[in-house]
């Protein structure tokens, strides 16, 4: 093979946009299911509700759903940052450290009723 384009085409996987979109939708569904199940737990257990209130107080700028996700995945957390955010602060990240999933607000858009929504 002397044609480098053929070699490179064979070496690089083709990006499947539909598969990526389905994967992201599955991740989003899993995150919402985790928030729902955590809500059920805190409704039935006063101690867990108190834990939720403590987390919401620590992360007062986060949404209710994100506070529930923090409680479900890492209730001992005191700060949240992205991988790059931690690197910028000079913090070293342990090998095999586990991150948590929260919902980040997307771009704002106008709804049909004239209200502003966030995706």
PDB file of N, CA and C in Angstrom:
ATOM      1  N   UNK A   1       0.843  -1.187   0.000  1.00  0.00           N
ATOM      2  CA  UNK A   1       0.000   0.000   0.000  1.00  0.00           C
ATOM      3  C   UNK A   1       0.878   1.236   0.000  1.00  0.00           C
ATOM      4  N   UNK A   2       0.751   1.980  -1.005  1.00  0.00           N
ATOM      5  CA  UNK A   2       1.508   3.215  -1.072  1.00  0.00           C
ATOM      6  C   UNK A   2       0.614   4.433  -0.886  1.00  0.00           C
ATOM      7  N   UNK A   3      -0.664   4.226  -0.838  1.00  0.00           N
ATOM      8  CA  UNK A   3      -1.583   5.330  -0.686  1.00  0.00           C
ATOM      9  C   UNK A   3      -1.835   5.570   0.811  1.00  0.00           C
ATOM     10  N   UNK A   4      -1.284   6.664   1.336  1.00  0.00           N
ATOM     11  CA  UNK A   4      -1.395   6.961   2.769  1.00  0.00           C
ATOM     12  C   UNK A   4      -2.834   7.248   3.201  1.00  0.00           C
ATOM     13  N   UNK A   5      -3.639   7.809   2.293  1.00  0.00           N
ATOM     14  CA  UNK A   5      -5.042   8.069   2.634  1.00  0.00           C
ATOM     15  C   UNK A   5      -5.772   6.776   2.969  1.00  0.00           C
ATOM     16  N   UNK A   6      -5.500   5.714   2.218  1.00  0.00           N
ATOM     17  CA  UNK A   6      -6.141   4.426   2.491  1.00  0.00           C
ATOM     18  C   UNK A   6      -5.700   3.872   3.841  1.00  0.00           C
ATOM     19  N   UNK A   7      -4.434   4.008   4.158  1.00  0.00           N
ATOM     20  CA  UNK A   7      -3.910   3.516   5.433  1.00  0.00           C
ATOM     21  C   UNK A   7      -4.549   4.281   6.592  1.00  0.00           C
ATOM     22  N   UNK A   8      -4.608   5.600   6.480  1.00  0.00           N
ATOM     23  CA  UNK A   8      -5.205   6.405   7.539  1.00  0.00           C
ATOM     24  C   UNK A   8      -6.701   6.156   7.673  1.00  0.00           C
ATOM     25  N   UNK A   9      -7.384   5.976   6.560  1.00  0.00           N
ATOM     26  CA  UNK A   9      -8.819   5.716   6.603  1.00  0.00           C
ATOM     27  C   UNK A   9      -9.106   4.407   7.326  1.00  0.00           C
ATOM     28  N   UNK A  10      -8.262   3.409   7.135  1.00  0.00           N
ATOM     29  CA  UNK A  10      -8.441   2.127   7.802  1.00  0.00           C
ATOM     30  C   UNK A  10      -8.104   2.224   9.288  1.00  0.00           C
ATOM     31  N   UNK A  11      -7.186   3.091   9.659  1.00  0.00           N
ATOM     32  CA  UNK A  11      -6.718   3.180  11.042  1.00  0.00           C
ATOM     33  C   UNK A  11      -7.661   3.980  11.935  1.00  0.00           C
ATOM     34  N   UNK A  12      -8.399   4.930  11.380  1.00  0.00           N
ATOM     35  CA  UNK A  12      -9.238   5.801  12.194  1.00  0.00           C
ATOM     36  C   UNK A  12     -10.683   5.314  12.182  1.00  0.00           C
ATOM     37  N   UNK A  13     -11.264   5.140  13.361  1.00  0.00           N
ATOM     38  CA  UNK A  13     -12.669   4.732  13.401  1.00  0.00           C
ATOM     39  C   UNK A  13     -13.563   5.873  12.923  1.00  0.00           C
ATOM     40  N   UNK A  14     -14.674   5.518  12.343  1.00  0.00           N
ATOM     41  CA  UNK A  14     -15.629   6.502  11.850  1.00  0.00           C
ATOM     42  C   UNK A  14     -16.522   6.922  13.016  1.00  0.00           C
ATOM     43  N   UNK A  15     -16.687   8.223  13.182  1.00  0.00           N
ATOM     44  CA  UNK A  15     -17.540   8.749  14.242  1.00  0.00           C
ATOM     45  C   UNK A  15     -18.989   8.510  13.884  1.00  0.00           C
ATOM     46  N   UNK A  16     -19.705   7.840  14.767  1.00  0.00           N
ATOM     47  CA  UNK A  16     -21.120   7.548  14.560  1.00  0.00           C
ATOM     48  C   UNK A  16     -21.945   8.500  15.418  1.00  0.00           C
ATOM     49  N   UNK A  17     -22.465   9.532  14.794  1.00  0.00           N
ATOM     50  CA  UNK A  17     -23.201  10.575  15.503  1.00  0.00           C
ATOM     51  C   UNK A  17     -24.446  10.018  16.190  1.00  0.00           C
ATOM     52  N   UNK A  18     -25.153   9.125  15.539  1.00  0.00           N
ATOM     53  CA  UNK A  18     -26.368   8.561  16.125  1.00  0.00           C
ATOM     54  C   UNK A  18     -26.051   7.697  17.339  1.00  0.00           C
ATOM     55  N   UNK A  19     -24.990   6.915  17.277  1.00  0.00           N
ATOM     56  CA  UNK A  19     -24.594   6.087  18.421  1.00  0.00           C
ATOM     57  C   UNK A  19     -24.175   6.968  19.588  1.00  0.00           C
ATOM     58  N   UNK A  20     -23.450   8.055  19.293  1.00  0.00           N
ATOM     59  CA  UNK A  20     -23.033   8.994  20.338  1.00  0.00           C
ATOM     60  C   UNK A  20     -24.252   9.637  20.990  1.00  0.00           C
ATOM     61  N   UNK A  21     -25.221  10.060  20.171  1.00  0.00           N
ATOM     62  CA  UNK A  21     -26.431  10.699  20.699  1.00  0.00           C
ATOM     63  C   UNK A  21     -27.214   9.722  21.566  1.00  0.00           C
ATOM     64  N   UNK A  22     -27.316   8.475  21.159  1.00  0.00           N
ATOM     65  CA  UNK A  22     -28.015   7.465  21.950  1.00  0.00           C
ATOM     66  C   UNK A  22     -27.288   7.210  23.272  1.00  0.00           C
ATOM     67  N   UNK A  23     -25.971   7.180  23.230  1.00  0.00           N
ATOM     68  CA  UNK A  23     -25.184   6.978  24.456  1.00  0.00           C
ATOM     69  C   UNK A  23     -25.432   8.125  25.438  1.00  0.00           C
ATOM     70  N   UNK A  24     -25.424   9.362  24.938  1.00  0.00           N
ATOM     71  CA  UNK A  24     -25.658  10.526  25.789  1.00  0.00           C
ATOM     72  C   UNK A  24     -27.080  10.524  26.352  1.00  0.00           C
ATOM     73  N   UNK A  25     -28.063  10.110  25.562  1.00  0.00           N
ATOM     74  CA  UNK A  25     -29.437  10.024  26.056  1.00  0.00           C
ATOM     75  C   UNK A  25     -29.550   8.963  27.149  1.00  0.00           C
ATOM     76  N   UNK A  26     -28.856   7.847  26.985  1.00  0.00           N
ATOM     77  CA  UNK A  26     -28.869   6.795  28.005  1.00  0.00           C
ATOM     78  C   UNK A  26     -28.220   7.298  29.294  1.00  0.00           C
ATOM     79  N   UNK A  27     -27.136   8.034  29.171  1.00  0.00           N
ATOM     80  CA  UNK A  27     -26.484   8.610  30.356  1.00  0.00           C
ATOM     81  C   UNK A  27     -27.416   9.590  31.057  1.00  0.00           C
ATOM     82  N   UNK A  28     -28.106  10.419  30.291  1.00  0.00           N
ATOM     83  CA  UNK A  28     -29.027  11.399  30.861  1.00  0.00           C
ATOM     84  C   UNK A  28     -30.184  10.695  31.577  1.00  0.00           C
ATOM     85  N   UNK A  29     -30.732   9.642  30.950  1.00  0.00           N
ATOM     86  CA  UNK A  29     -31.807   8.883  31.593  1.00  0.00           C
ATOM     87  C   UNK A  29     -31.331   8.270  32.905  1.00  0.00           C
ATOM     88  N   UNK A  30     -30.117   7.727  32.908  1.00  0.00           N
ATOM     89  CA  UNK A  30     -29.569   7.113  34.126  1.00  0.00           C
ATOM     90  C   UNK A  30     -29.405   8.148  35.238  1.00  0.00           C
ATOM     91  N   UNK A  31     -28.970   9.351  34.890  1.00  0.00           N
ATOM     92  CA  UNK A  31     -28.792  10.409  35.882  1.00  0.00           C
ATOM     93  C   UNK A  31     -30.143  10.816  36.467  1.00  0.00           C
ATOM     94  N   UNK A  32     -31.158  10.971  35.623  1.00  0.00           N
ATOM     95  CA  UNK A  32     -32.484  11.330  36.128  1.00  0.00           C
ATOM     96  C   UNK A  32     -33.079  10.203  36.979  1.00  0.00           C
ATOM     97  N   UNK A  33     -32.847   8.957  36.600  1.00  0.00           N
ATOM     98  CA  UNK A  33     -33.326   7.831  37.408  1.00  0.00           C
ATOM     99  C   UNK A  33     -32.648   7.825  38.779  1.00  0.00           C
ATOM    100  N   UNK A  34     -31.352   8.142  38.817  1.00  0.00           N
ATOM    101  CA  UNK A  34     -30.634   8.211  40.084  1.00  0.00           C
ATOM    102  C   UNK A  34     -31.201   9.320  40.965  1.00  0.00           C
ATOM    103  N   UNK A  35     -31.494  10.465  40.378  1.00  0.00           N
ATOM    104  CA  UNK A  35     -32.091  11.572  41.141  1.00  0.00           C
ATOM    105  C   UNK A  35     -33.473  11.175  41.667  1.00  0.00           C
ATOM    106  N   UNK A  36     -34.266  10.498  40.845  1.00  0.00           N
ATOM    107  CA  UNK A  36     -35.596  10.060  41.278  1.00  0.00           C
ATOM    108  C   UNK A  36     -35.514   9.052  42.424  1.00  0.00           C
ATOM    109  N   UNK A  37     -34.615   8.085  42.306  1.00  0.00           N
ATOM    110  CA  UNK A  37     -34.506   7.077  43.370  1.00  0.00           C
ATOM    111  C   UNK A  37     -33.973   7.701  44.663  1.00  0.00           C
ATOM    112  N   UNK A  38     -33.088   8.675  44.552  1.00  0.00           N
ATOM    113  CA  UNK A  38     -32.582   9.369  45.740  1.00  0.00           C
ATOM    114  C   UNK A  38     -33.695  10.164  46.396  1.00  0.00           C
ATOM    115  N   UNK A  39     -34.558  10.762  45.584  1.00  0.00           N
ATOM    116  CA  UNK A  39     -35.709  11.492  46.116  1.00  0.00           C
ATOM    117  C   UNK A  39     -36.607  10.553  46.915  1.00  0.00           C
ATOM    118  N   UNK A  40     -36.851   9.370  46.392  1.00  0.00           N
ATOM    119  CA  UNK A  40     -37.678   8.392  47.106  1.00  0.00           C
ATOM    120  C   UNK A  40     -37.054   8.025  48.451  1.00  0.00           C
ATOM    121  N   UNK A  41     -35.741   7.872  48.482  1.00  0.00           N
ATOM    122  CA  UNK A  41     -35.045   7.510  49.726  1.00  0.00           C
ATOM    123  C   UNK A  41     -35.170   8.630  50.756  1.00  0.00           C
ATOM    124  N   UNK A  42     -34.947   9.873  50.352  1.00  0.00           N
ATOM    125  CA  UNK A  42     -34.976  10.958  51.343  1.00  0.00           C
ATOM    126  C   UNK A  42     -36.395  11.261  51.813  1.00  0.00           C
ATOM    127  N   UNK A  43     -37.399  10.911  51.009  1.00  0.00           N
ATOM    128  CA  UNK A  43     -38.782  11.102  51.461  1.00  0.00           C
ATOM    129  C   UNK A  43     -39.143  10.126  52.583  1.00  0.00           C
ATOM    130  N   UNK A  44     -38.469   8.989  52.616  1.00  0.00           N
ATOM    131  CA  UNK A  44     -38.809   7.947  53.584  1.00  0.00           C
ATOM    132  C   UNK A  44     -37.901   7.914  54.796  1.00  0.00           C
ATOM    133  N   UNK A  45     -36.793   8.642  54.761  1.00  0.00           N
ATOM    134  CA  UNK A  45     -35.810   8.562  55.840  1.00  0.00           C
ATOM    135  C   UNK A  45     -35.427   9.980  56.276  1.00  0.00           C
ATOM    136  N   UNK A  46     -35.793  10.326  57.512  1.00  0.00           N
ATOM    137  CA  UNK A  46     -35.513  11.663  58.025  1.00  0.00           C
ATOM    138  C   UNK A  46     -34.029  11.982  58.071  1.00  0.00           C
ATOM    139  N   UNK A  47     -33.200  10.988  58.382  1.00  0.00           N
ATOM    140  CA  UNK A  47     -31.748  11.201  58.412  1.00  0.00           C
ATOM    141  C   UNK A  47     -31.196  11.526  57.037  1.00  0.00           C
ATOM    142  N   UNK A  48     -31.707  10.839  56.026  1.00  0.00           N
ATOM    143  CA  UNK A  48     -31.266  11.113  54.648  1.00  0.00           C
ATOM    144  C   UNK A  48     -31.754  12.494  54.193  1.00  0.00           C
ATOM    145  N   UNK A  49     -32.953  12.870  54.663  1.00  0.00           N
ATOM    146  CA  UNK A  49     -33.447  14.206  54.321  1.00  0.00           C
ATOM    147  C   UNK A  49     -32.552  15.267  54.941  1.00  0.00           C
ATOM    148  N   UNK A  50     -32.136  15.054  56.168  1.00  0.00           N
ATOM    149  CA  UNK A  50     -31.223  15.990  56.845  1.00  0.00           C
ATOM    150  C   UNK A  50     -29.897  16.069  56.081  1.00  0.00           C
ATOM    151  N   UNK A  51     -29.403  14.908  55.631  1.00  0.00           N
ATOM    152  CA  UNK A  51     -28.165  14.867  54.840  1.00  0.00           C
ATOM    153  C   UNK A  51     -28.337  15.680  53.557  1.00  0.00           C
ATOM    154  N   UNK A  52     -29.505  15.530  52.914  1.00  0.00           N
ATOM    155  CA  UNK A  52     -29.777  16.298  51.707  1.00  0.00           C
ATOM    156  C   UNK A  52     -29.749  17.803  52.003  1.00  0.00           C
ATOM    157  N   UNK A  53     -30.377  18.212  53.098  1.00  0.00           N
ATOM    158  CA  UNK A  53     -30.396  19.639  53.448  1.00  0.00           C
ATOM    159  C   UNK A  53     -28.985  20.164  53.693  1.00  0.00           C
ATOM    160  N   UNK A  54     -28.145  19.360  54.334  1.00  0.00           N
ATOM    161  CA  UNK A  54     -26.752  19.766  54.555  1.00  0.00           C
ATOM    162  C   UNK A  54     -26.009  19.929  53.228  1.00  0.00           C
ATOM    163  N   UNK A  55     -26.247  19.013  52.314  1.00  0.00           N
ATOM    164  CA  UNK A  55     -25.597  19.092  50.998  1.00  0.00           C
ATOM    165  C   UNK A  55     -26.104  20.312  50.243  1.00  0.00           C
ATOM    166  N   UNK A  56     -27.406  20.547  50.268  1.00  0.00           N
ATOM    167  CA  UNK A  56     -27.966  21.708  49.578  1.00  0.00           C
ATOM    168  C   UNK A  56     -27.418  23.003  50.169  1.00  0.00           C
ATOM    169  N   UNK A  57     -27.167  23.029  51.487  1.00  0.00           N
ATOM    170  CA  UNK A  57     -26.597  24.216  52.131  1.00  0.00           C
ATOM    171  C   UNK A  57     -25.152  24.427  51.674  1.00  0.00           C
ATOM    172  N   UNK A  58     -24.384  23.348  51.537  1.00  0.00           N
ATOM    173  CA  UNK A  58     -22.987  23.462  51.076  1.00  0.00           C
ATOM    174  C   UNK A  58     -22.911  23.892  49.620  1.00  0.00           C
ATOM    175  N   UNK A  59     -23.806  23.358  48.812  1.00  0.00           N
ATOM    176  CA  UNK A  59     -23.808  23.624  47.374  1.00  0.00           C
ATOM    177  C   UNK A  59     -25.042  24.454  47.029  1.00  0.00           C
ATOM    178  N   UNK A  60     -25.128  25.634  47.636  1.00  0.00           N
ATOM    179  CA  UNK A  60     -26.329  26.456  47.515  1.00  0.00           C
ATOM    180  C   UNK A  60     -26.559  27.009  46.115  1.00  0.00           C
ATOM    181  N   UNK A  61     -25.562  27.013  45.277  1.00  0.00           N
ATOM    182  CA  UNK A  61     -25.739  27.514  43.913  1.00  0.00           C
ATOM    183  C   UNK A  61     -26.104  26.392  42.938  1.00  0.00           C
ATOM    184  N   UNK A  62     -26.191  25.178  43.442  1.00  0.00           N
ATOM    185  CA  UNK A  62     -26.537  24.040  42.601  1.00  0.00           C
ATOM    186  C   UNK A  62     -28.044  23.792  42.659  1.00  0.00           C
ATOM    187  N   UNK A  63     -28.576  23.205  41.607  1.00  0.00           N
ATOM    188  CA  UNK A  63     -30.006  22.916  41.553  1.00  0.00           C
ATOM    189  C   UNK A  63     -30.354  21.799  42.536  1.00  0.00           C
ATOM    190  N   UNK A  64     -31.631  21.654  42.797  1.00  0.00           N
ATOM    191  CA  UNK A  64     -32.117  20.582  43.663  1.00  0.00           C
ATOM    192  C   UNK A  64     -31.685  19.230  43.096  1.00  0.00           C
ATOM    193  N   UNK A  65     -31.844  19.053  41.803  1.00  0.00           N
ATOM    194  CA  UNK A  65     -31.469  17.779  41.172  1.00  0.00           C
ATOM    195  C   UNK A  65     -29.985  17.500  41.344  1.00  0.00           C
ATOM    196  N   UNK A  66     -29.140  18.504  41.161  1.00  0.00           N
ATOM    197  CA  UNK A  66     -27.709  18.284  41.332  1.00  0.00           C
ATOM    198  C   UNK A  66     -27.355  17.985  42.788  1.00  0.00           C
ATOM    199  N   UNK A  67     -28.033  18.606  43.731  1.00  0.00           N
ATOM    200  CA  UNK A  67     -27.796  18.280  45.140  1.00  0.00           C
ATOM    201  C   UNK A  67     -28.171  16.832  45.411  1.00  0.00           C
ATOM    202  N   UNK A  68     -29.256  16.357  44.824  1.00  0.00           N
ATOM    203  CA  UNK A  68     -29.647  14.953  44.965  1.00  0.00           C
ATOM    204  C   UNK A  68     -28.600  14.033  44.363  1.00  0.00           C
ATOM    205  N   UNK A  69     -28.046  14.422  43.217  1.00  0.00           N
ATOM    206  CA  UNK A  69     -27.020  13.604  42.563  1.00  0.00           C
ATOM    207  C   UNK A  69     -25.734  13.573  43.384  1.00  0.00           C
ATOM    208  N   UNK A  70     -25.386  14.693  43.990  1.00  0.00           N
ATOM    209  CA  UNK A  70     -24.208  14.733  44.858  1.00  0.00           C
ATOM    210  C   UNK A  70     -24.433  13.805  46.048  1.00  0.00           C
ATOM    211  N   UNK A  71     -25.613  13.875  46.631  1.00  0.00           N
ATOM    212  CA  UNK A  71     -25.919  13.016  47.775  1.00  0.00           C
ATOM    213  C   UNK A  71     -25.834  11.538  47.395  1.00  0.00           C
ATOM    214  N   UNK A  72     -26.326  11.191  46.241  1.00  0.00           N
ATOM    215  CA  UNK A  72     -26.343   9.788  45.820  1.00  0.00           C
ATOM    216  C   UNK A  72     -24.950   9.254  45.505  1.00  0.00           C
ATOM    217  N   UNK A  73     -24.076  10.107  44.986  1.00  0.00           N
ATOM    218  CA  UNK A  73     -22.794   9.622  44.496  1.00  0.00           C
ATOM    219  C   UNK A  73     -21.617   9.916  45.411  1.00  0.00           C
ATOM    220  N   UNK A  74     -21.641  11.080  46.090  1.00  0.00           N
ATOM    221  CA  UNK A  74     -20.506  11.445  46.926  1.00  0.00           C
ATOM    222  C   UNK A  74     -20.943  12.466  47.973  1.00  0.00           C
ATOM    223  N   UNK A  75     -21.681  12.008  48.991  1.00  0.00           N
ATOM    224  CA  UNK A  75     -22.204  12.958  49.976  1.00  0.00           C
ATOM    225  C   UNK A  75     -21.125  13.661  50.791  1.00  0.00           C
ATOM    226  N   UNK A  76     -19.924  13.119  50.822  1.00  0.00           N
ATOM    227  CA  UNK A  76     -18.835  13.746  51.583  1.00  0.00           C
ATOM    228  C   UNK A  76     -18.123  14.848  50.790  1.00  0.00           C
ATOM    229  N   UNK A  77     -18.546  15.114  49.558  1.00  0.00           N
ATOM    230  CA  UNK A  77     -17.909  16.134  48.721  1.00  0.00           C
ATOM    231  C   UNK A  77     -18.022  17.511  49.364  1.00  0.00           C
ATOM    232  N   UNK A  78     -16.979  18.305  49.199  1.00  0.00           N
ATOM    233  CA  UNK A  78     -17.013  19.680  49.681  1.00  0.00           C
ATOM    234  C   UNK A  78     -16.896  20.680  48.534  1.00  0.00           C
ATOM    235  N   UNK A  79     -16.338  20.255  47.412  1.00  0.00           N
ATOM    236  CA  UNK A  79     -16.215  21.089  46.213  1.00  0.00           C
ATOM    237  C   UNK A  79     -16.318  20.196  44.994  1.00  0.00           C
ATOM    238  N   UNK A  80     -16.835  20.766  43.923  1.00  0.00           N
ATOM    239  CA  UNK A  80     -16.900  20.057  42.655  1.00  0.00           C
ATOM    240  C   UNK A  80     -16.232  20.900  41.582  1.00  0.00           C
ATOM    241  N   UNK A  81     -15.417  20.247  40.778  1.00  0.00           N
ATOM    242  CA  UNK A  81     -14.790  20.891  39.625  1.00  0.00           C
ATOM    243  C   UNK A  81     -14.621  19.843  38.543  1.00  0.00           C
ATOM    244  N   UNK A  82     -14.470  20.293  37.334  1.00  0.00           N
ATOM    245  CA  UNK A  82     -14.155  19.375  36.246  1.00  0.00           C
ATOM    246  C   UNK A  82     -12.703  18.944  36.375  1.00  0.00           C
ATOM    247  N   UNK A  83     -12.313  17.965  35.619  1.00  0.00           N
ATOM    248  CA  UNK A  83     -10.928  17.504  35.637  1.00  0.00           C
ATOM    249  C   UNK A  83      -9.987  18.672  35.350  1.00  0.00           C
ATOM    250  N   UNK A  84     -10.305  19.436  34.312  1.00  0.00           N
ATOM    251  CA  UNK A  84      -9.463  20.584  33.956  1.00  0.00           C
ATOM    252  C   UNK A  84      -9.484  21.652  35.044  1.00  0.00           C
ATOM    253  N   UNK A  85     -10.639  21.830  35.693  1.00  0.00           N
ATOM    254  CA  UNK A  85     -10.736  22.802  36.778  1.00  0.00           C
ATOM    255  C   UNK A  85      -9.814  22.458  37.931  1.00  0.00           C
ATOM    256  N   UNK A  86      -9.746  21.170  38.283  1.00  0.00           N
ATOM    257  CA  UNK A  86      -8.835  20.756  39.359  1.00  0.00           C
ATOM    258  C   UNK A  86      -7.384  20.945  38.934  1.00  0.00           C
ATOM    259  N   UNK A  87      -7.074  20.630  37.679  1.00  0.00           N
ATOM    260  CA  UNK A  87      -5.695  20.796  37.194  1.00  0.00           C
ATOM    261  C   UNK A  87      -5.284  22.263  37.228  1.00  0.00           C
ATOM    262  N   UNK A  88      -6.199  23.168  36.888  1.00  0.00           N
ATOM    263  CA  UNK A  88      -5.888  24.600  36.901  1.00  0.00           C
ATOM    264  C   UNK A  88      -5.555  25.112  38.299  1.00  0.00           C
ATOM    265  N   UNK A  89      -6.135  24.493  39.316  1.00  0.00           N
ATOM    266  CA  UNK A  89      -5.854  24.916  40.691  1.00  0.00           C
ATOM    267  C   UNK A  89      -4.564  24.307  41.219  1.00  0.00           C
ATOM    268  N   UNK A  90      -3.948  23.440  40.426  1.00  0.00           N
ATOM    269  CA  UNK A  90      -2.707  22.802  40.853  1.00  0.00           C
ATOM    270  C   UNK A  90      -2.920  21.536  41.658  1.00  0.00           C
ATOM    271  N   UNK A  91      -4.160  21.127  41.779  1.00  0.00           N
ATOM    272  CA  UNK A  91      -4.450  19.898  42.528  1.00  0.00           C
ATOM    273  C   UNK A  91      -4.043  18.693  41.695  1.00  0.00           C
ATOM    274  N   UNK A  92      -3.510  17.704  42.355  1.00  0.00           N
ATOM    275  CA  UNK A  92      -3.198  16.466  41.640  1.00  0.00           C
ATOM    276  C   UNK A  92      -4.376  15.516  41.819  1.00  0.00           C
ATOM    277  N   UNK A  93      -4.667  14.803  40.779  1.00  0.00           N
ATOM    278  CA  UNK A  93      -5.806  13.901  40.780  1.00  0.00           C
ATOM    279  C   UNK A  93      -5.284  12.481  40.862  1.00  0.00           C
ATOM    280  N   UNK A  94      -5.807  11.762  41.861  1.00  0.00           N
ATOM    281  CA  UNK A  94      -5.358  10.390  42.058  1.00  0.00           C
ATOM    282  C   UNK A  94      -5.700   9.533  40.854  1.00  0.00           C
ATOM    283  N   UNK A  95      -4.810   8.604  40.566  1.00  0.00           N
ATOM    284  CA  UNK A  95      -5.056   7.657  39.490  1.00  0.00           C
ATOM    285  C   UNK A  95      -6.299   6.854  39.835  1.00  0.00           C
ATOM    286  N   UNK A  96      -7.138   6.622  38.865  1.00  0.00           N
ATOM    287  CA  UNK A  96      -8.389   5.879  39.011  1.00  0.00           C
ATOM    288  C   UNK A  96      -9.411   6.591  39.897  1.00  0.00           C
ATOM    289  N   UNK A  97      -9.263   7.908  40.084  1.00  0.00           N
ATOM    290  CA  UNK A  97     -10.249   8.659  40.855  1.00  0.00           C
ATOM    291  C   UNK A  97     -11.575   8.619  40.106  1.00  0.00           C
ATOM    292  N   UNK A  98     -12.659   8.516  40.856  1.00  0.00           N
ATOM    293  CA  UNK A  98     -13.982   8.402  40.261  1.00  0.00           C
ATOM    294  C   UNK A  98     -14.672   9.756  40.298  1.00  0.00           C
ATOM    295  N   UNK A  99     -15.180  10.178  39.186  1.00  0.00           N
ATOM    296  CA  UNK A  99     -15.925  11.417  39.121  1.00  0.00           C
ATOM    297  C   UNK A  99     -17.392  11.164  39.409  1.00  0.00           C
ATOM    298  N   UNK A 100     -18.166  12.225  39.491  1.00  0.00           N
ATOM    299  CA  UNK A 100     -19.602  12.077  39.664  1.00  0.00           C
ATOM    300  C   UNK A 100     -20.310  12.789  38.517  1.00  0.00           C
ATOM    301  N   UNK A 101     -21.544  12.402  38.288  1.00  0.00           N
ATOM    302  CA  UNK A 101     -22.339  13.000  37.215  1.00  0.00           C
ATOM    303  C   UNK A 101     -23.319  14.002  37.802  1.00  0.00           C
ATOM    304  N   UNK A 102     -23.311  15.193  37.234  1.00  0.00           N
ATOM    305  CA  UNK A 102     -24.324  16.193  37.552  1.00  0.00           C
ATOM    306  C   UNK A 102     -24.823  16.753  36.231  1.00  0.00           C
ATOM    307  N   UNK A 103     -25.857  17.546  36.290  1.00  0.00           N
ATOM    308  CA  UNK A 103     -26.429  18.143  35.093  1.00  0.00           C
ATOM    309  C   UNK A 103     -25.930  19.576  34.965  1.00  0.00           C
ATOM    310  N   UNK A 104     -25.302  19.867  33.861  1.00  0.00           N
ATOM    311  CA  UNK A 104     -24.833  21.225  33.610  1.00  0.00           C
ATOM    312  C   UNK A 104     -25.874  21.943  32.771  1.00  0.00           C
ATOM    313  N   UNK A 105     -26.125  23.208  33.086  1.00  0.00           N
ATOM    314  CA  UNK A 105     -27.087  23.936  32.263  1.00  0.00           C
ATOM    315  C   UNK A 105     -26.528  24.159  30.867  1.00  0.00           C
ATOM    316  N   UNK A 106     -27.405  24.066  29.905  1.00  0.00           N
ATOM    317  CA  UNK A 106     -27.016  24.315  28.522  1.00  0.00           C
ATOM    318  C   UNK A 106     -27.315  25.748  28.134  1.00  0.00           C
ATOM    319  N   UNK A 107     -27.556  25.941  26.882  1.00  0.00           N
ATOM    320  CA  UNK A 107     -27.845  27.285  26.388  1.00  0.00           C
ATOM    321  C   UNK A 107     -29.309  27.641  26.631  1.00  0.00           C
ATOM    322  N   UNK A 108     -29.557  28.922  26.783  1.00  0.00           N
ATOM    323  CA  UNK A 108     -30.925  29.392  26.965  1.00  0.00           C
ATOM    324  C   UNK A 108     -31.639  29.443  25.624  1.00  0.00           C
ATOM    325  N   UNK A 109     -32.955  29.230  25.667  1.00  0.00           N
ATOM    326  CA  UNK A 109     -33.771  29.303  24.468  1.00  0.00           C
ATOM    327  C   UNK A 109     -35.145  29.852  24.854  1.00  0.00           C
ATOM    328  N   UNK A 110     -35.888  30.294  23.859  1.00  0.00           N
ATOM    329  CA  UNK A 110     -37.229  30.848  24.102  1.00  0.00           C
ATOM    330  C   UNK A 110     -38.260  29.764  23.885  1.00  0.00           C
ATOM    331  N   UNK A 111     -39.138  29.590  24.855  1.00  0.00           N
ATOM    332  CA  UNK A 111     -40.244  28.638  24.734  1.00  0.00           C
ATOM    333  C   UNK A 111     -41.384  29.285  23.968  1.00  0.00           C
ATOM    334  N   UNK A 112     -42.340  28.459  23.547  1.00  0.00           N
ATOM    335  CA  UNK A 112     -43.485  28.955  22.786  1.00  0.00           C
ATOM    336  C   UNK A 112     -44.312  29.966  23.583  1.00  0.00           C
ATOM    337  N   UNK A 113     -44.335  29.807  24.920  1.00  0.00           N
ATOM    338  CA  UNK A 113     -45.123  30.713  25.750  1.00  0.00           C
ATOM    339  C   UNK A 113     -44.365  32.008  26.086  1.00  0.00           C
ATOM    340  N   UNK A 114     -43.166  32.173  25.549  1.00  0.00           N
ATOM    341  CA  UNK A 114     -42.402  33.387  25.758  1.00  0.00           C
ATOM    342  C   UNK A 114     -41.418  33.329  26.914  1.00  0.00           C
ATOM    343  N   UNK A 115     -41.456  32.246  27.687  1.00  0.00           N
ATOM    344  CA  UNK A 115     -40.533  32.085  28.812  1.00  0.00           C
ATOM    345  C   UNK A 115     -39.173  31.627  28.308  1.00  0.00           C
ATOM    346  N   UNK A 116     -38.163  31.890  29.101  1.00  0.00           N
ATOM    347  CA  UNK A 116     -36.811  31.464  28.758  1.00  0.00           C
ATOM    348  C   UNK A 116     -36.563  30.116  29.400  1.00  0.00           C
ATOM    349  N   UNK A 117     -36.074  29.166  28.630  1.00  0.00           N
ATOM    350  CA  UNK A 117     -35.732  27.840  29.141  1.00  0.00           C
ATOM    351  C   UNK A 117     -34.245  27.594  28.998  1.00  0.00           C
ATOM    352  N   UNK A 118     -33.749  26.603  29.715  1.00  0.00           N
ATOM    353  CA  UNK A 118     -32.343  26.207  29.625  1.00  0.00           C
ATOM    354  C   UNK A 118     -32.296  24.733  29.267  1.00  0.00           C
ATOM    355  N   UNK A 119     -31.554  24.421  28.223  1.00  0.00           N
ATOM    356  CA  UNK A 119     -31.482  23.026  27.815  1.00  0.00           C
ATOM    357  C   UNK A 119     -30.539  22.244  28.693  1.00  0.00           C
TER     358      UNK A 119
END
